[in-house]
N, C-alpha and C. Protein backbone atom coordinates (compact mmCIF):
# COMPACT_ATOMS: atom_id res chain seq x y z
N MET A 1 0.86 -1.11 0.01
CA MET A 1 0.09 0.09 0.06
C MET A 1 1.00 1.22 0.00
N THR A 2 0.55 2.11 -1.00
CA THR A 2 1.42 3.40 -0.86
C THR A 2 0.91 4.51 -0.11
N ALA A 3 1.79 5.46 0.34
CA ALA A 3 1.14 6.24 1.28
C ALA A 3 0.42 7.32 0.58
N LYS A 4 -0.47 7.97 1.26
CA LYS A 4 -1.28 9.03 0.70
C LYS A 4 -0.60 10.34 0.70
N ARG A 5 -0.50 10.97 -0.45
CA ARG A 5 0.09 12.39 -0.53
C ARG A 5 -0.65 13.41 -0.17
N LYS A 6 -0.26 14.34 0.62
CA LYS A 6 -1.08 15.46 1.05
C LYS A 6 -0.80 16.64 0.16
N LYS A 7 -1.83 17.37 -0.17
CA LYS A 7 -1.88 18.58 -0.87
C LYS A 7 -2.86 19.48 -0.28
N LEU A 8 -2.44 20.85 -0.40
CA LEU A 8 -3.25 21.94 -0.13
C LEU A 8 -4.14 22.38 -1.56
N MET A 9 -5.41 22.32 -1.43
CA MET A 9 -6.18 22.86 -2.70
C MET A 9 -6.84 24.15 -2.15
N ILE A 10 -6.51 25.17 -3.02
CA ILE A 10 -7.01 26.43 -2.89
C ILE A 10 -7.95 26.88 -3.91
N ASP A 11 -9.09 26.85 -3.70
CA ASP A 11 -10.29 27.24 -4.65
C ASP A 11 -10.22 28.71 -4.83
N VAL A 12 -9.74 29.40 -5.78
CA VAL A 12 -9.61 30.89 -5.89
C VAL A 12 -10.99 31.42 -5.97
N ASP A 13 -11.89 30.58 -6.57
CA ASP A 13 -13.26 31.23 -7.04
C ASP A 13 -14.09 31.37 -5.66
N ARG A 14 -13.69 30.53 -4.51
CA ARG A 14 -14.56 30.74 -3.28
C ARG A 14 -13.75 31.90 -2.48
N CYS A 15 -12.61 32.05 -2.59
CA CYS A 15 -11.66 33.06 -1.82
C CYS A 15 -12.59 34.41 -1.77
N MET A 16 -12.54 35.05 -0.64
CA MET A 16 -13.33 36.24 -0.45
C MET A 16 -12.15 37.41 -0.19
N GLY A 17 -10.90 37.14 -0.25
CA GLY A 17 -9.85 38.18 -0.06
C GLY A 17 -9.81 38.64 1.39
N CYS A 18 -10.11 37.81 2.27
CA CYS A 18 -10.19 38.38 3.81
C CYS A 18 -8.69 38.22 4.52
N CYS A 19 -7.86 37.35 3.88
CA CYS A 19 -6.51 37.28 4.36
C CYS A 19 -6.55 36.65 5.85
N ALA A 20 -7.71 35.83 6.13
CA ALA A 20 -7.58 35.13 7.25
C ALA A 20 -6.62 33.98 7.49
N CYS A 21 -6.17 33.32 6.12
CA CYS A 21 -5.39 32.35 5.93
C CYS A 21 -3.74 32.82 6.45
N GLU A 22 -3.54 34.16 5.78
CA GLU A 22 -2.21 34.74 6.14
C GLU A 22 -2.19 34.93 7.59
N ILE A 23 -3.29 35.56 8.18
CA ILE A 23 -3.15 35.91 9.70
C ILE A 23 -3.04 34.48 10.49
N ALA A 24 -3.79 33.67 10.21
CA ALA A 24 -3.72 32.34 10.95
C ALA A 24 -2.28 31.84 10.93
N CYS A 25 -1.70 31.82 9.68
CA CYS A 25 -0.47 31.28 9.55
C CYS A 25 0.71 32.07 10.35
N LYS A 26 0.60 33.45 10.28
CA LYS A 26 1.58 34.24 11.12
C LYS A 26 1.39 33.92 12.52
N MET A 27 0.24 33.81 12.85
CA MET A 27 -0.09 33.51 14.45
C MET A 27 0.45 32.13 14.66
N GLU A 28 0.13 31.11 13.96
CA GLU A 28 0.63 29.81 14.23
C GLU A 28 2.15 29.74 14.35
N TYR A 29 2.88 30.43 13.47
CA TYR A 29 4.26 30.29 13.41
C TYR A 29 4.93 31.40 14.01
N GLN A 30 4.33 32.48 14.60
CA GLN A 30 4.85 33.60 15.15
C GLN A 30 5.86 34.26 14.21
N LEU A 31 5.34 34.55 12.99
CA LEU A 31 6.22 34.98 11.93
C LEU A 31 6.51 36.43 12.17
N PRO A 32 7.81 36.98 11.96
CA PRO A 32 8.06 38.37 12.16
C PRO A 32 7.54 39.07 10.76
N ARG A 33 7.69 40.35 11.05
CA ARG A 33 7.23 41.23 10.06
C ARG A 33 8.00 40.84 8.64
N GLY A 34 7.33 40.91 7.57
CA GLY A 34 7.85 40.72 6.29
C GLY A 34 8.00 39.17 5.99
N VAL A 35 7.63 38.15 6.87
CA VAL A 35 7.80 36.70 6.45
C VAL A 35 6.35 36.41 6.47
N ARG A 36 5.98 35.91 5.25
CA ARG A 36 4.61 35.08 5.24
C ARG A 36 4.77 33.92 4.38
N PHE A 37 4.20 32.88 4.90
CA PHE A 37 4.35 31.55 4.16
C PHE A 37 3.10 31.25 3.16
N ILE A 38 2.07 32.06 3.30
CA ILE A 38 0.94 32.13 2.45
C ILE A 38 0.66 33.60 2.15
N VAL A 39 0.76 33.85 0.88
CA VAL A 39 0.47 35.23 0.42
C VAL A 39 -0.78 35.26 -0.54
N MET A 40 -1.69 35.91 -0.11
CA MET A 40 -2.90 36.08 -1.04
C MET A 40 -2.92 37.35 -1.85
N ASN A 41 -2.88 37.13 -3.13
CA ASN A 41 -2.69 38.44 -3.97
C ASN A 41 -4.04 38.77 -4.70
N GLN A 42 -4.26 40.12 -4.94
CA GLN A 42 -5.58 40.30 -5.54
C GLN A 42 -5.23 41.15 -6.76
N SER A 43 -6.01 41.07 -7.85
CA SER A 43 -6.04 41.98 -8.80
C SER A 43 -7.38 42.08 -9.51
N GLU A 44 -7.61 42.96 -10.52
CA GLU A 44 -8.77 43.13 -11.03
C GLU A 44 -8.87 42.24 -12.32
N ASP A 45 -9.99 41.60 -12.64
CA ASP A 45 -10.18 40.80 -13.65
C ASP A 45 -10.12 41.61 -15.02
N PRO A 46 -9.08 41.23 -15.83
CA PRO A 46 -8.78 42.12 -17.03
C PRO A 46 -9.80 41.99 -18.05
N SER A 47 -10.78 41.18 -18.05
CA SER A 47 -11.81 40.97 -19.10
C SER A 47 -12.73 42.24 -18.79
N PRO A 48 -13.13 42.77 -19.96
CA PRO A 48 -13.94 44.03 -19.99
C PRO A 48 -15.35 43.86 -19.60
N MET A 49 -15.75 42.49 -19.66
CA MET A 49 -17.13 42.10 -19.26
C MET A 49 -17.27 41.95 -17.77
N GLN A 50 -16.10 41.81 -17.06
CA GLN A 50 -16.12 41.41 -15.56
C GLN A 50 -15.69 42.59 -14.65
N GLU A 51 -16.37 42.75 -13.66
CA GLU A 51 -15.85 43.78 -12.76
C GLU A 51 -15.81 43.06 -11.41
N LYS A 52 -14.67 42.37 -11.25
CA LYS A 52 -14.59 41.66 -9.91
C LYS A 52 -13.06 41.42 -9.77
N LEU A 53 -12.75 41.04 -8.57
CA LEU A 53 -11.49 40.94 -8.04
C LEU A 53 -11.14 39.40 -8.31
N VAL A 54 -9.76 39.22 -8.69
CA VAL A 54 -9.34 37.82 -8.89
C VAL A 54 -8.26 37.64 -7.85
N PHE A 55 -8.30 36.37 -7.10
CA PHE A 55 -7.32 36.21 -6.21
C PHE A 55 -6.38 35.04 -6.64
N ASP A 56 -5.15 35.27 -6.13
CA ASP A 56 -4.10 34.23 -6.54
C ASP A 56 -3.34 33.99 -5.25
N PHE A 57 -2.67 32.80 -5.13
CA PHE A 57 -1.90 32.50 -3.85
C PHE A 57 -0.57 32.07 -4.22
N ALA A 58 0.40 32.66 -3.34
CA ALA A 58 1.71 32.19 -3.49
C ALA A 58 2.11 31.29 -2.14
N VAL A 59 2.12 30.27 -2.36
CA VAL A 59 2.39 29.21 -1.16
C VAL A 59 3.11 28.05 -1.66
N CYS A 60 4.07 27.52 -0.82
CA CYS A 60 4.69 26.18 -1.34
C CYS A 60 3.62 25.08 -1.75
N ARG A 61 4.13 24.61 -2.96
CA ARG A 61 3.15 23.59 -3.59
C ARG A 61 3.53 22.22 -3.23
N HIS A 62 4.53 21.99 -2.34
CA HIS A 62 5.10 20.68 -1.90
C HIS A 62 5.04 19.72 -3.14
N CYS A 63 5.77 20.09 -4.08
CA CYS A 63 5.84 19.42 -5.42
C CYS A 63 6.42 18.08 -5.28
N ASP A 64 5.97 17.33 -6.28
CA ASP A 64 6.21 15.82 -6.30
C ASP A 64 7.71 15.68 -6.50
N HIS A 65 8.33 16.49 -7.29
CA HIS A 65 9.81 16.44 -7.47
C HIS A 65 10.39 17.96 -7.07
N PRO A 66 10.61 18.35 -5.92
CA PRO A 66 10.82 19.60 -5.48
C PRO A 66 12.24 20.09 -5.92
N ALA A 67 12.27 21.15 -6.86
CA ALA A 67 13.45 21.70 -7.26
C ALA A 67 14.40 22.23 -6.16
N CYS A 68 13.63 22.90 -5.17
CA CYS A 68 14.35 23.35 -3.99
C CYS A 68 15.08 22.17 -3.17
N LEU A 69 14.61 20.95 -3.31
CA LEU A 69 15.36 19.94 -2.39
C LEU A 69 16.63 19.61 -3.26
N SER A 70 16.56 19.37 -4.46
CA SER A 70 17.77 19.03 -5.27
C SER A 70 18.82 20.17 -5.27
N ALA A 71 18.36 21.32 -5.11
CA ALA A 71 19.33 22.44 -5.24
C ALA A 71 20.08 22.71 -4.05
N CYS A 72 19.59 22.29 -2.93
CA CYS A 72 20.03 22.48 -1.58
C CYS A 72 21.45 21.73 -1.26
N PRO A 73 22.59 22.51 -1.32
CA PRO A 73 23.85 21.80 -1.12
C PRO A 73 24.06 21.17 0.27
N ALA A 74 23.34 21.86 1.27
CA ALA A 74 23.44 21.34 2.62
C ALA A 74 22.58 20.23 2.95
N GLU A 75 21.66 19.86 2.04
CA GLU A 75 20.61 18.73 2.19
C GLU A 75 19.65 19.14 3.31
N ALA A 76 19.37 20.34 3.61
CA ALA A 76 18.55 20.90 4.60
C ALA A 76 17.11 20.67 4.38
N ILE A 77 16.80 20.38 2.99
CA ILE A 77 15.50 20.32 2.63
C ILE A 77 15.14 18.84 2.25
N TYR A 78 13.95 18.36 2.86
CA TYR A 78 13.70 16.95 2.64
C TYR A 78 12.16 16.84 2.47
N GLN A 79 11.72 15.62 1.73
CA GLN A 79 10.29 15.43 1.59
C GLN A 79 9.96 14.20 2.49
N ARG A 80 8.89 14.33 3.15
CA ARG A 80 8.25 13.32 4.04
C ARG A 80 7.64 12.14 3.10
N TRP A 81 7.20 11.13 3.70
CA TRP A 81 6.57 9.93 3.12
C TRP A 81 5.13 10.33 2.58
N ASP A 82 4.69 11.36 3.15
CA ASP A 82 3.23 11.94 2.68
C ASP A 82 3.39 13.15 1.61
N GLY A 83 4.59 13.54 1.14
CA GLY A 83 4.75 14.62 0.20
C GLY A 83 5.12 15.89 0.70
N ILE A 84 4.92 16.01 2.07
CA ILE A 84 5.20 17.32 2.59
C ILE A 84 6.77 17.76 2.62
N VAL A 85 7.05 18.88 1.98
CA VAL A 85 8.65 19.21 1.85
C VAL A 85 8.87 20.08 3.11
N LEU A 86 9.85 19.58 3.87
CA LEU A 86 10.35 20.47 4.94
C LEU A 86 11.56 20.89 4.94
N VAL A 87 12.06 21.86 5.91
CA VAL A 87 13.19 22.45 5.91
C VAL A 87 13.81 22.10 7.31
N ASP A 88 15.02 21.64 7.44
CA ASP A 88 15.83 21.50 8.73
C ASP A 88 16.61 22.84 8.85
N GLU A 89 16.04 23.86 9.55
CA GLU A 89 16.62 25.26 9.67
C GLU A 89 18.03 25.13 10.26
N SER A 90 18.19 24.11 11.14
CA SER A 90 19.72 24.12 11.74
C SER A 90 20.63 23.54 10.69
N SER A 91 20.20 22.97 9.67
CA SER A 91 21.26 22.61 8.58
C SER A 91 21.28 23.63 7.51
N CYS A 92 20.36 24.60 7.26
CA CYS A 92 20.35 25.45 6.27
C CYS A 92 21.62 26.43 6.43
N ILE A 93 22.20 26.57 5.30
CA ILE A 93 23.39 27.51 5.16
C ILE A 93 23.20 28.86 4.67
N GLY A 94 21.84 29.12 4.31
CA GLY A 94 21.43 30.36 3.84
C GLY A 94 21.99 30.93 2.39
N CYS A 95 22.27 29.87 1.51
CA CYS A 95 22.96 30.24 0.22
C CYS A 95 21.83 30.64 -0.83
N GLY A 96 20.46 30.42 -0.35
CA GLY A 96 19.50 30.97 -1.26
C GLY A 96 19.25 30.20 -2.59
N ARG A 97 20.02 29.04 -2.75
CA ARG A 97 19.84 28.16 -4.11
C ARG A 97 18.49 27.69 -4.08
N CYS A 98 17.73 27.51 -3.04
CA CYS A 98 16.54 26.67 -2.91
C CYS A 98 15.29 27.78 -3.68
N LYS A 99 15.67 29.17 -3.11
CA LYS A 99 14.83 30.03 -3.82
C LYS A 99 14.91 30.32 -5.30
N MET A 100 16.24 30.35 -5.83
CA MET A 100 16.66 30.53 -7.17
C MET A 100 15.91 29.32 -8.01
N ALA A 101 16.06 28.07 -7.33
CA ALA A 101 15.46 26.88 -8.09
C ALA A 101 14.04 26.79 -8.10
N CYS A 102 13.32 27.35 -7.06
CA CYS A 102 11.85 27.23 -7.12
C CYS A 102 11.26 28.09 -8.21
N PRO A 103 10.42 27.49 -8.96
CA PRO A 103 9.71 28.09 -10.17
C PRO A 103 8.75 29.31 -9.62
N TRP A 104 8.36 29.35 -8.50
CA TRP A 104 7.38 30.31 -7.82
C TRP A 104 8.26 31.21 -6.85
N GLU A 105 9.58 30.94 -6.77
CA GLU A 105 10.34 31.73 -5.70
C GLU A 105 9.70 31.89 -4.35
N ILE A 106 9.23 30.67 -3.77
CA ILE A 106 8.64 30.56 -2.42
C ILE A 106 9.45 30.59 -1.30
N PRO A 107 10.65 29.79 -1.23
CA PRO A 107 11.42 29.94 -0.14
C PRO A 107 11.90 31.45 0.31
N GLN A 108 11.76 31.65 1.56
CA GLN A 108 12.15 32.93 1.90
C GLN A 108 13.30 32.72 3.05
N MET A 109 14.19 33.95 2.75
CA MET A 109 15.43 33.89 3.60
C MET A 109 15.08 34.76 4.78
N ALA A 110 15.01 34.25 5.97
CA ALA A 110 14.58 34.87 7.20
C ALA A 110 15.36 34.43 8.39
N ASP A 111 15.21 35.10 9.63
CA ASP A 111 15.87 34.37 10.86
C ASP A 111 17.40 34.11 10.58
N GLN A 112 18.15 35.02 10.73
CA GLN A 112 19.59 34.64 10.61
C GLN A 112 19.89 34.18 9.13
N GLY A 113 19.10 34.52 8.17
CA GLY A 113 19.47 34.05 6.76
C GLY A 113 19.33 32.66 6.39
N LYS A 114 18.30 32.04 7.38
CA LYS A 114 17.67 30.74 7.18
C LYS A 114 16.61 30.55 6.41
N MET A 115 16.53 29.67 5.56
CA MET A 115 15.34 29.48 4.60
C MET A 115 14.05 28.98 5.45
N ARG A 116 12.99 29.64 5.18
CA ARG A 116 11.72 29.35 5.73
C ARG A 116 10.64 29.14 4.80
N LYS A 117 9.63 28.43 4.81
CA LYS A 117 8.69 28.25 3.96
C LYS A 117 7.42 27.48 4.67
N CYS A 118 6.28 27.49 3.93
CA CYS A 118 5.15 26.64 4.48
C CYS A 118 5.49 25.15 4.73
N SER A 119 5.18 24.78 5.82
CA SER A 119 5.31 23.34 6.18
C SER A 119 4.00 22.63 6.07
N MET A 120 3.05 23.14 5.56
CA MET A 120 1.67 22.64 5.57
C MET A 120 1.09 22.16 6.91
N CYS A 121 1.75 22.89 7.92
CA CYS A 121 1.45 22.67 9.39
C CYS A 121 1.63 21.08 9.68
N ALA A 122 2.83 20.67 9.03
CA ALA A 122 3.01 19.14 9.40
C ALA A 122 2.81 18.67 10.90
N ALA A 123 3.26 19.58 11.70
CA ALA A 123 3.33 19.15 13.20
C ALA A 123 1.70 19.10 13.49
N ARG A 124 0.86 19.81 13.00
CA ARG A 124 -0.54 19.81 13.43
C ARG A 124 -1.27 18.50 12.66
N ILE A 125 -0.68 18.29 11.52
CA ILE A 125 -1.24 17.10 10.63
C ILE A 125 -0.96 15.85 11.46
N ASP A 126 0.28 15.83 11.92
CA ASP A 126 0.81 14.57 12.80
C ASP A 126 0.03 14.49 13.95
N GLN A 127 -0.59 15.46 14.53
CA GLN A 127 -1.52 15.39 15.77
C GLN A 127 -2.88 15.11 15.20
N GLY A 128 -3.27 14.99 14.06
CA GLY A 128 -4.47 14.68 13.51
C GLY A 128 -5.32 16.07 13.28
N LEU A 129 -4.73 17.28 13.24
CA LEU A 129 -5.32 18.53 13.18
C LEU A 129 -5.19 18.88 11.73
N ARG A 130 -5.96 19.97 11.36
CA ARG A 130 -5.89 20.56 10.06
C ARG A 130 -5.02 21.71 10.08
N PRO A 131 -4.47 22.10 8.76
CA PRO A 131 -3.59 23.29 8.72
C PRO A 131 -4.29 24.47 9.24
N ALA A 132 -3.60 25.37 9.88
CA ALA A 132 -4.19 26.72 10.36
C ALA A 132 -4.84 27.57 9.45
N CYS A 133 -4.35 27.55 8.17
CA CYS A 133 -4.93 28.24 7.13
C CYS A 133 -6.29 27.73 6.60
N GLU A 134 -6.36 26.53 6.63
CA GLU A 134 -7.72 25.79 6.32
C GLU A 134 -8.74 25.97 7.29
N LEU A 135 -8.30 25.99 8.64
CA LEU A 135 -9.27 26.36 9.71
C LEU A 135 -9.78 27.70 9.84
N ALA A 136 -8.86 28.62 9.30
CA ALA A 136 -9.07 29.89 9.50
C ALA A 136 -10.05 30.49 8.26
N CYS A 137 -10.08 29.83 7.13
CA CYS A 137 -10.74 30.25 5.98
C CYS A 137 -12.37 30.05 6.18
N PRO A 138 -12.85 31.34 6.21
CA PRO A 138 -14.56 31.22 6.41
C PRO A 138 -15.24 30.83 5.16
N ALA A 139 -14.56 30.79 4.09
CA ALA A 139 -15.36 30.55 2.77
C ALA A 139 -14.96 29.09 2.36
N GLY A 140 -14.19 28.42 3.12
CA GLY A 140 -13.86 27.01 2.94
C GLY A 140 -13.09 26.79 1.52
N ALA A 141 -12.40 27.91 1.31
CA ALA A 141 -11.42 27.99 -0.16
C ALA A 141 -10.24 27.17 0.10
N ILE A 142 -9.89 26.87 1.13
CA ILE A 142 -8.65 25.96 1.47
C ILE A 142 -8.84 24.73 1.94
N GLN A 143 -8.50 23.60 1.31
CA GLN A 143 -8.79 22.25 1.77
C GLN A 143 -7.45 21.36 1.89
N LEU A 144 -7.10 20.57 2.81
CA LEU A 144 -6.11 19.57 2.73
C LEU A 144 -6.55 18.45 2.18
N LEU A 145 -6.13 18.00 1.04
CA LEU A 145 -6.57 16.79 0.36
C LEU A 145 -5.43 15.60 0.50
N GLU A 146 -5.83 14.30 0.42
CA GLU A 146 -4.99 13.24 0.15
C GLU A 146 -5.26 12.43 -1.05
N SER A 147 -4.33 12.10 -1.58
CA SER A 147 -4.42 11.38 -2.93
C SER A 147 -3.48 10.11 -3.00
């Protein structure tokens, strides 16, 4: 039996733009100013027939074959059996190669130059809990899925 991979699904059509996910994440991880593991961006729909806001998210996608993992010379980035990509901050040398390798430039250099990013709330998941961003979303736009 193969392990079930975990993925965060964000339904941008359900998003209300409230940023509750960002706030919950910052509170969960006590993130300093300027560091955000999930970023909700909004823009206006470019279609002349639409007058609405469009939401997009910058968050680690916990890729099947993470470019950040293979780019890390310190082997500080690893992938769990369930697909969650994590960082051992104590092993990170702060070179920034992970950020350069990531197609979405998600890794952030913070806290003494160490890389940080979304962990999909792995510690919460290990306790049978849901990710903080999912619980905080009043529209139900964020869901943890297993495949």
